[in-house]
Amino acid sequence: MIKIYCASNIAEAQIVTGLLLNYNIPAYAGGILLQGGIGDLSAMDFATISVPNNYAQQARELIHQYEAGELIIDGDEPEHP
């Protein structure tokens, strides 16, 4: 497994993990339970996304499209490569 993304919060971590899983990329959201232990302090880089090494490039490309607003969500199933 390789860490490929640091989410700004747990909601974004879950969204990105769901995106990757929807494209059949095994993904793991780590550190998402740490936010409750931090309290009112703002923490950085605690919610991370990891994927198996052989899926890293495909996952990074999807995340880039997500961040650039290039993914269209229309309710239909995505076309898997």
PDB file of N, CA and C in Angstrom:
ATOM      1  N   MET A   1       0.851  -1.186   0.000  1.00  0.00           N
ATOM      2  CA  MET A   1       0.000   0.000   0.000  1.00  0.00           C
ATOM      3  C   MET A   1       0.888   1.237   0.000  1.00  0.00           C
ATOM      4  N   ILE A   2       0.396   2.235  -0.715  1.00  0.00           N
ATOM      5  CA  ILE A   2       1.123   3.498  -0.797  1.00  0.00           C
ATOM      6  C   ILE A   2       0.136   4.642  -0.545  1.00  0.00           C
ATOM      7  N   LYS A   3       0.570   5.619   0.269  1.00  0.00           N
ATOM      8  CA  LYS A   3      -0.272   6.782   0.546  1.00  0.00           C
ATOM      9  C   LYS A   3      -0.220   7.691  -0.673  1.00  0.00           C
ATOM     10  N   ILE A   4      -1.397   8.000  -1.224  1.00  0.00           N
ATOM     11  CA  ILE A   4      -1.438   8.811  -2.442  1.00  0.00           C
ATOM     12  C   ILE A   4      -2.147  10.145  -2.265  1.00  0.00           C
ATOM     13  N   TYR A   5      -2.828  10.345  -1.114  1.00  0.00           N
ATOM     14  CA  TYR A   5      -3.617  11.564  -0.980  1.00  0.00           C
ATOM     15  C   TYR A   5      -3.802  11.910   0.491  1.00  0.00           C
ATOM     16  N   CYS A   6      -3.683  13.172   0.815  1.00  0.00           N
ATOM     17  CA  CYS A   6      -3.986  13.685   2.150  1.00  0.00           C
ATOM     18  C   CYS A   6      -5.225  14.564   2.034  1.00  0.00           C
ATOM     19  N   ALA A   7      -6.297  14.122   2.638  1.00  0.00           N
ATOM     20  CA  ALA A   7      -7.561  14.861   2.563  1.00  0.00           C
ATOM     21  C   ALA A   7      -7.567  15.995   3.586  1.00  0.00           C
ATOM     22  N   SER A   8      -8.344  17.016   3.299  1.00  0.00           N
ATOM     23  CA  SER A   8      -8.410  18.152   4.220  1.00  0.00           C
ATOM     24  C   SER A   8      -9.282  17.856   5.440  1.00  0.00           C
ATOM     25  N   ASN A   9     -10.161  16.859   5.326  1.00  0.00           N
ATOM     26  CA  ASN A   9     -11.009  16.459   6.452  1.00  0.00           C
ATOM     27  C   ASN A   9     -11.541  15.049   6.192  1.00  0.00           C
ATOM     28  N   ILE A  10     -12.258  14.504   7.168  1.00  0.00           N
ATOM     29  CA  ILE A  10     -12.711  13.114   7.019  1.00  0.00           C
ATOM     30  C   ILE A  10     -13.789  12.970   5.950  1.00  0.00           C
ATOM     31  N   ALA A  11     -14.592  13.996   5.747  1.00  0.00           N
ATOM     32  CA  ALA A  11     -15.619  13.918   4.709  1.00  0.00           C
ATOM     33  C   ALA A  11     -14.969  13.788   3.329  1.00  0.00           C
ATOM     34  N   GLU A  12     -13.953  14.599   3.088  1.00  0.00           N
ATOM     35  CA  GLU A  12     -13.265  14.509   1.798  1.00  0.00           C
ATOM     36  C   GLU A  12     -12.563  13.161   1.648  1.00  0.00           C
ATOM     37  N   ALA A  13     -12.012  12.648   2.729  1.00  0.00           N
ATOM     38  CA  ALA A  13     -11.360  11.336   2.682  1.00  0.00           C
ATOM     39  C   ALA A  13     -12.355  10.253   2.278  1.00  0.00           C
ATOM     40  N   GLN A  14     -13.554  10.325   2.810  1.00  0.00           N
ATOM     41  CA  GLN A  14     -14.582   9.337   2.467  1.00  0.00           C
ATOM     42  C   GLN A  14     -15.058   9.509   1.026  1.00  0.00           C
ATOM     43  N   ILE A  15     -15.168  10.746   0.567  1.00  0.00           N
ATOM     44  CA  ILE A  15     -15.586  11.000  -0.815  1.00  0.00           C
ATOM     45  C   ILE A  15     -14.557  10.440  -1.793  1.00  0.00           C
ATOM     46  N   VAL A  16     -13.288  10.722  -1.552  1.00  0.00           N
ATOM     47  CA  VAL A  16     -12.234  10.256  -2.462  1.00  0.00           C
ATOM     48  C   VAL A  16     -12.124   8.731  -2.403  1.00  0.00           C
ATOM     49  N   THR A  17     -12.224   8.159  -1.213  1.00  0.00           N
ATOM     50  CA  THR A  17     -12.191   6.696  -1.097  1.00  0.00           C
ATOM     51  C   THR A  17     -13.347   6.075  -1.871  1.00  0.00           C
ATOM     52  N   GLY A  18     -14.542   6.633  -1.731  1.00  0.00           N
ATOM     53  CA  GLY A  18     -15.701   6.134  -2.469  1.00  0.00           C
ATOM     54  C   GLY A  18     -15.524   6.254  -3.969  1.00  0.00           C
ATOM     55  N   LEU A  19     -14.933   7.357  -4.410  1.00  0.00           N
ATOM     56  CA  LEU A  19     -14.661   7.545  -5.836  1.00  0.00           C
ATOM     57  C   LEU A  19     -13.763   6.436  -6.352  1.00  0.00           C
ATOM     58  N   LEU A  20     -12.673   6.180  -5.645  1.00  0.00           N
ATOM     59  CA  LEU A  20     -11.735   5.152  -6.076  1.00  0.00           C
ATOM     60  C   LEU A  20     -12.380   3.764  -6.057  1.00  0.00           C
ATOM     61  N   LEU A  21     -13.113   3.470  -5.004  1.00  0.00           N
ATOM     62  CA  LEU A  21     -13.783   2.166  -4.927  1.00  0.00           C
ATOM     63  C   LEU A  21     -14.791   1.995  -6.059  1.00  0.00           C
ATOM     64  N   ASN A  22     -15.458   3.091  -6.437  1.00  0.00           N
ATOM     65  CA  ASN A  22     -16.431   3.046  -7.515  1.00  0.00           C
ATOM     66  C   ASN A  22     -15.768   2.698  -8.855  1.00  0.00           C
ATOM     67  N   TYR A  23     -14.493   3.028  -8.977  1.00  0.00           N
ATOM     68  CA  TYR A  23     -13.738   2.693 -10.185  1.00  0.00           C
ATOM     69  C   TYR A  23     -12.911   1.417  -9.989  1.00  0.00           C
ATOM     70  N   ASN A  24     -13.327   0.610  -9.029  1.00  0.00           N
ATOM     71  CA  ASN A  24     -12.693  -0.690  -8.742  1.00  0.00           C
ATOM     72  C   ASN A  24     -11.219  -0.569  -8.379  1.00  0.00           C
ATOM     73  N   ILE A  25     -10.870   0.499  -7.710  1.00  0.00           N
ATOM     74  CA  ILE A  25      -9.523   0.674  -7.186  1.00  0.00           C
ATOM     75  C   ILE A  25      -9.601   0.443  -5.679  1.00  0.00           C
ATOM     76  N   PRO A  26      -8.952  -0.600  -5.176  1.00  0.00           N
ATOM     77  CA  PRO A  26      -8.983  -0.832  -3.729  1.00  0.00           C
ATOM     78  C   PRO A  26      -8.361   0.365  -3.004  1.00  0.00           C
ATOM     79  N   ALA A  27      -9.094   0.940  -2.071  1.00  0.00           N
ATOM     80  CA  ALA A  27      -8.618   2.134  -1.374  1.00  0.00           C
ATOM     81  C   ALA A  27      -8.921   2.024   0.109  1.00  0.00           C
ATOM     82  N   TYR A  28      -8.045   2.610   0.911  1.00  0.00           N
ATOM     83  CA  TYR A  28      -8.195   2.598   2.362  1.00  0.00           C
ATOM     84  C   TYR A  28      -8.049   4.019   2.877  1.00  0.00           C
ATOM     85  N   ALA A  29      -9.030   4.473   3.649  1.00  0.00           N
ATOM     86  CA  ALA A  29      -8.959   5.790   4.286  1.00  0.00           C
ATOM     87  C   ALA A  29      -8.393   5.599   5.682  1.00  0.00           C
ATOM     88  N   GLY A  30      -7.221   6.149   5.912  1.00  0.00           N
ATOM     89  CA  GLY A  30      -6.565   6.015   7.205  1.00  0.00           C
ATOM     90  C   GLY A  30      -6.623   7.300   7.998  1.00  0.00           C
ATOM     91  N   GLY A  31      -6.609   7.171   9.318  1.00  0.00           N
ATOM     92  CA  GLY A  31      -6.572   8.332  10.199  1.00  0.00           C
ATOM     93  C   GLY A  31      -7.883   9.056  10.357  1.00  0.00           C
ATOM     94  N   ILE A  32      -8.962   8.507   9.818  1.00  0.00           N
ATOM     95  CA  ILE A  32     -10.233   9.243   9.863  1.00  0.00           C
ATOM     96  C   ILE A  32     -10.849   9.283  11.260  1.00  0.00           C
ATOM     97  N   LEU A  33     -10.436   8.395  12.131  1.00  0.00           N
ATOM     98  CA  LEU A  33     -10.971   8.408  13.492  1.00  0.00           C
ATOM     99  C   LEU A  33     -10.173   9.323  14.416  1.00  0.00           C
ATOM    100  N   LEU A  34      -9.101   9.891  13.939  1.00  0.00           N
ATOM    101  CA  LEU A  34      -8.263  10.744  14.773  1.00  0.00           C
ATOM    102  C   LEU A  34      -8.873  12.113  15.026  1.00  0.00           C
ATOM    103  N   GLN A  35      -9.769  12.559  14.175  1.00  0.00           N
ATOM    104  CA  GLN A  35     -10.317  13.900  14.322  1.00  0.00           C
ATOM    105  C   GLN A  35     -11.020  14.070  15.662  1.00  0.00           C
ATOM    106  N   GLY A  36     -11.719  13.061  16.130  1.00  0.00           N
ATOM    107  CA  GLY A  36     -12.419  13.161  17.411  1.00  0.00           C
ATOM    108  C   GLY A  36     -11.478  13.322  18.585  1.00  0.00           C
ATOM    109  N   GLY A  37     -10.281  12.762  18.494  1.00  0.00           N
ATOM    110  CA  GLY A  37      -9.322  12.877  19.578  1.00  0.00           C
ATOM    111  C   GLY A  37      -8.569  14.189  19.581  1.00  0.00           C
ATOM    112  N   ILE A  38      -8.685  14.945  18.540  1.00  0.00           N
ATOM    113  CA  ILE A  38      -7.926  16.186  18.423  1.00  0.00           C
ATOM    114  C   ILE A  38      -8.665  17.341  19.085  1.00  0.00           C
ATOM    115  N   GLY A  39      -9.973  17.278  19.121  1.00  0.00           N
ATOM    116  CA  GLY A  39     -10.744  18.352  19.732  1.00  0.00           C
ATOM    117  C   GLY A  39     -10.869  19.546  18.830  1.00  0.00           C
ATOM    118  N   ASP A  40     -10.693  20.720  19.410  1.00  0.00           N
ATOM    119  CA  ASP A  40     -10.872  21.959  18.659  1.00  0.00           C
ATOM    120  C   ASP A  40      -9.622  22.388  17.903  1.00  0.00           C
ATOM    121  N   LEU A  41      -8.529  21.687  18.060  1.00  0.00           N
ATOM    122  CA  LEU A  41      -7.317  22.054  17.354  1.00  0.00           C
ATOM    123  C   LEU A  41      -7.415  21.657  15.890  1.00  0.00           C
ATOM    124  N   SER A  42      -6.935  22.501  15.039  1.00  0.00           N
ATOM    125  CA  SER A  42      -6.924  22.187  13.615  1.00  0.00           C
ATOM    126  C   SER A  42      -5.717  21.310  13.311  1.00  0.00           C
ATOM    127  N   ALA A  43      -5.968  20.138  12.750  1.00  0.00           N
ATOM    128  CA  ALA A  43      -4.886  19.214  12.420  1.00  0.00           C
ATOM    129  C   ALA A  43      -4.711  19.157  10.912  1.00  0.00           C
ATOM    130  N   MET A  44      -3.527  18.766  10.493  1.00  0.00           N
ATOM    131  CA  MET A  44      -3.230  18.684   9.074  1.00  0.00           C
ATOM    132  C   MET A  44      -2.802  17.271   8.719  1.00  0.00           C
ATOM    133  N   ASP A  45      -3.223  16.818   7.581  1.00  0.00           N
ATOM    134  CA  ASP A  45      -2.743  15.561   7.001  1.00  0.00           C
ATOM    135  C   ASP A  45      -3.004  14.319   7.840  1.00  0.00           C
ATOM    136  N   PHE A  46      -4.056  14.304   8.630  1.00  0.00           N
ATOM    137  CA  PHE A  46      -4.333  13.095   9.390  1.00  0.00           C
ATOM    138  C   PHE A  46      -5.227  12.133   8.628  1.00  0.00           C
ATOM    139  N   ALA A  47      -6.013  12.608   7.689  1.00  0.00           N
ATOM    140  CA  ALA A  47      -6.888  11.747   6.886  1.00  0.00           C
ATOM    141  C   ALA A  47      -6.195  11.472   5.559  1.00  0.00           C
ATOM    142  N   THR A  48      -5.772  10.234   5.383  1.00  0.00           N
ATOM    143  CA  THR A  48      -5.013   9.882   4.186  1.00  0.00           C
ATOM    144  C   THR A  48      -5.703   8.761   3.419  1.00  0.00           C
ATOM    145  N   ILE A  49      -5.396   8.669   2.143  1.00  0.00           N
ATOM    146  CA  ILE A  49      -5.913   7.605   1.287  1.00  0.00           C
ATOM    147  C   ILE A  49      -4.716   6.795   0.798  1.00  0.00           C
ATOM    148  N   SER A  50      -4.832   5.474   0.928  1.00  0.00           N
ATOM    149  CA  SER A  50      -3.791   4.570   0.453  1.00  0.00           C
ATOM    150  C   SER A  50      -4.400   3.567  -0.504  1.00  0.00           C
ATOM    151  N   VAL A  51      -3.596   3.152  -1.472  1.00  0.00           N
ATOM    152  CA  VAL A  51      -4.009   2.132  -2.448  1.00  0.00           C
ATOM    153  C   VAL A  51      -2.846   1.167  -2.642  1.00  0.00           C
ATOM    154  N   PRO A  52      -3.129  -0.031  -3.158  1.00  0.00           N
ATOM    155  CA  PRO A  52      -2.029  -0.931  -3.513  1.00  0.00           C
ATOM    156  C   PRO A  52      -1.122  -0.268  -4.559  1.00  0.00           C
ATOM    157  N   ASN A  53       0.160  -0.567  -4.486  1.00  0.00           N
ATOM    158  CA  ASN A  53       1.149   0.066  -5.367  1.00  0.00           C
ATOM    159  C   ASN A  53       0.768   0.005  -6.844  1.00  0.00           C
ATOM    160  N   ASN A  54       0.223  -1.121  -7.296  1.00  0.00           N
ATOM    161  CA  ASN A  54      -0.075  -1.267  -8.723  1.00  0.00           C
ATOM    162  C   ASN A  54      -1.297  -0.455  -9.170  1.00  0.00           C
ATOM    163  N   TYR A  55      -2.010   0.179  -8.247  1.00  0.00           N
ATOM    164  CA  TYR A  55      -3.146   1.037  -8.599  1.00  0.00           C
ATOM    165  C   TYR A  55      -2.817   2.522  -8.417  1.00  0.00           C
ATOM    166  N   ALA A  56      -1.602   2.836  -7.984  1.00  0.00           N
ATOM    167  CA  ALA A  56      -1.268   4.208  -7.613  1.00  0.00           C
ATOM    168  C   ALA A  56      -1.437   5.197  -8.766  1.00  0.00           C
ATOM    169  N   GLN A  57      -0.939   4.874  -9.936  1.00  0.00           N
ATOM    170  CA  GLN A  57      -1.019   5.810 -11.070  1.00  0.00           C
ATOM    171  C   GLN A  57      -2.474   6.064 -11.479  1.00  0.00           C
ATOM    172  N   GLN A  58      -3.258   5.005 -11.579  1.00  0.00           N
ATOM    173  CA  GLN A  58      -4.667   5.158 -11.950  1.00  0.00           C
ATOM    174  C   GLN A  58      -5.411   5.980 -10.891  1.00  0.00           C
ATOM    175  N   ALA A  59      -5.117   5.734  -9.631  1.00  0.00           N
ATOM    176  CA  ALA A  59      -5.774   6.473  -8.550  1.00  0.00           C
ATOM    177  C   ALA A  59      -5.389   7.950  -8.587  1.00  0.00           C
ATOM    178  N   ARG A  60      -4.126   8.233  -8.801  1.00  0.00           N
ATOM    179  CA  ARG A  60      -3.677   9.631  -8.871  1.00  0.00           C
ATOM    180  C   ARG A  60      -4.352  10.375 -10.022  1.00  0.00           C
ATOM    181  N   GLU A  61      -4.527   9.705 -11.155  1.00  0.00           N
ATOM    182  CA  GLU A  61      -5.197  10.336 -12.296  1.00  0.00           C
ATOM    183  C   GLU A  61      -6.652  10.668 -11.965  1.00  0.00           C
ATOM    184  N   LEU A  62      -7.347   9.754 -11.316  1.00  0.00           N
ATOM    185  CA  LEU A  62      -8.740  10.015 -10.924  1.00  0.00           C
ATOM    186  C   LEU A  62      -8.831  11.150  -9.912  1.00  0.00           C
ATOM    187  N   ILE A  63      -7.921  11.158  -8.946  1.00  0.00           N
ATOM    188  CA  ILE A  63      -7.926  12.221  -7.940  1.00  0.00           C
ATOM    189  C   ILE A  63      -7.623  13.560  -8.593  1.00  0.00           C
ATOM    190  N   HIS A  64      -6.727  13.584  -9.554  1.00  0.00           N
ATOM    191  CA  HIS A  64      -6.446  14.824 -10.282  1.00  0.00           C
ATOM    192  C   HIS A  64      -7.706  15.326 -10.995  1.00  0.00           C
ATOM    193  N   GLN A  65      -8.439  14.427 -11.638  1.00  0.00           N
ATOM    194  CA  GLN A  65      -9.688  14.807 -12.303  1.00  0.00           C
ATOM    195  C   GLN A  65     -10.703  15.322 -11.284  1.00  0.00           C
ATOM    196  N   TYR A  66     -10.773  14.682 -10.121  1.00  0.00           N
ATOM    197  CA  TYR A  66     -11.681  15.114  -9.053  1.00  0.00           C
ATOM    198  C   TYR A  66     -11.335  16.534  -8.603  1.00  0.00           C
ATOM    199  N   GLU A  67     -10.056  16.772  -8.338  1.00  0.00           N
ATOM    200  CA  GLU A  67      -9.627  18.090  -7.867  1.00  0.00           C
ATOM    201  C   GLU A  67      -9.817  19.174  -8.929  1.00  0.00           C
ATOM    202  N   ALA A  68      -9.683  18.807 -10.198  1.00  0.00           N
ATOM    203  CA  ALA A  68      -9.836  19.778 -11.288  1.00  0.00           C
ATOM    204  C   ALA A  68     -11.305  19.998 -11.664  1.00  0.00           C
ATOM    205  N   GLY A  69     -12.213  19.250 -11.044  1.00  0.00           N
ATOM    206  CA  GLY A  69     -13.634  19.389 -11.361  1.00  0.00           C
ATOM    207  C   GLY A  69     -14.002  18.796 -12.702  1.00  0.00           C
ATOM    208  N   GLU A  70     -13.214  17.835 -13.172  1.00  0.00           N
ATOM    209  CA  GLU A  70     -13.445  17.244 -14.491  1.00  0.00           C
ATOM    210  C   GLU A  70     -14.358  16.029 -14.466  1.00  0.00           C
ATOM    211  N   LEU A  71     -14.691  15.538 -13.296  1.00  0.00           N
ATOM    212  CA  LEU A  71     -15.574  14.377 -13.216  1.00  0.00           C
ATOM    213  C   LEU A  71     -17.023  14.835 -13.248  1.00  0.00           C
ATOM    214  N   ILE A  72     -17.820  14.205 -14.064  1.00  0.00           N
ATOM    215  CA  ILE A  72     -19.231  14.546 -14.196  1.00  0.00           C
ATOM    216  C   ILE A  72     -20.037  13.476 -13.480  1.00  0.00           C
ATOM    217  N   ILE A  73     -20.852  13.909 -12.537  1.00  0.00           N
ATOM    218  CA  ILE A  73     -21.698  12.977 -11.794  1.00  0.00           C
ATOM    219  C   ILE A  73     -23.122  13.163 -12.310  1.00  0.00           C
ATOM    220  N   ASP A  74     -23.604  12.155 -13.018  1.00  0.00           N
ATOM    221  CA  ASP A  74     -24.940  12.272 -13.595  1.00  0.00           C
ATOM    222  C   ASP A  74     -25.865  11.167 -13.155  1.00  0.00           C
ATOM    223  N   GLY A  75     -25.428  10.350 -12.193  1.00  0.00           N
ATOM    224  CA  GLY A  75     -26.269   9.278 -11.719  1.00  0.00           C
ATOM    225  C   GLY A  75     -26.056   7.953 -12.452  1.00  0.00           C
ATOM    226  N   ASP A  76     -25.405   8.011 -13.602  1.00  0.00           N
ATOM    227  CA  ASP A  76     -25.121   6.776 -14.333  1.00  0.00           C
ATOM    228  C   ASP A  76     -23.842   6.151 -13.780  1.00  0.00           C
ATOM    229  N   GLU A  77     -23.704   4.879 -14.022  1.00  0.00           N
ATOM    230  CA  GLU A  77     -22.485   4.195 -13.618  1.00  0.00           C
ATOM    231  C   GLU A  77     -21.312   4.689 -14.462  1.00  0.00           C
ATOM    232  N   PRO A  78     -20.131   4.807 -13.860  1.00  0.00           N
ATOM    233  CA  PRO A  78     -18.971   5.278 -14.639  1.00  0.00           C
ATOM    234  C   PRO A  78     -18.528   4.245 -15.651  1.00  0.00           C
ATOM    235  N   GLU A  79     -17.883   4.727 -16.680  1.00  0.00           N
ATOM    236  CA  GLU A  79     -17.292   3.820 -17.662  1.00  0.00           C
ATOM    237  C   GLU A  79     -15.928   3.427 -17.153  1.00  0.00           C
ATOM    238  N   HIS A  80     -15.762   2.161 -16.843  1.00  0.00           N
ATOM    239  CA  HIS A  80     -14.491   1.684 -16.315  1.00  0.00           C
ATOM    240  C   HIS A  80     -13.539   1.373 -17.477  1.00  0.00           C
ATOM    241  N   PRO A  81     -12.288   1.810 -17.294  1.00  0.00           N
ATOM    242  CA  PRO A  81     -11.309   1.551 -18.364  1.00  0.00           C
ATOM    243  C   PRO A  81     -11.026   0.063 -18.538  1.00  0.00           C
TER     244      PRO A  81
END
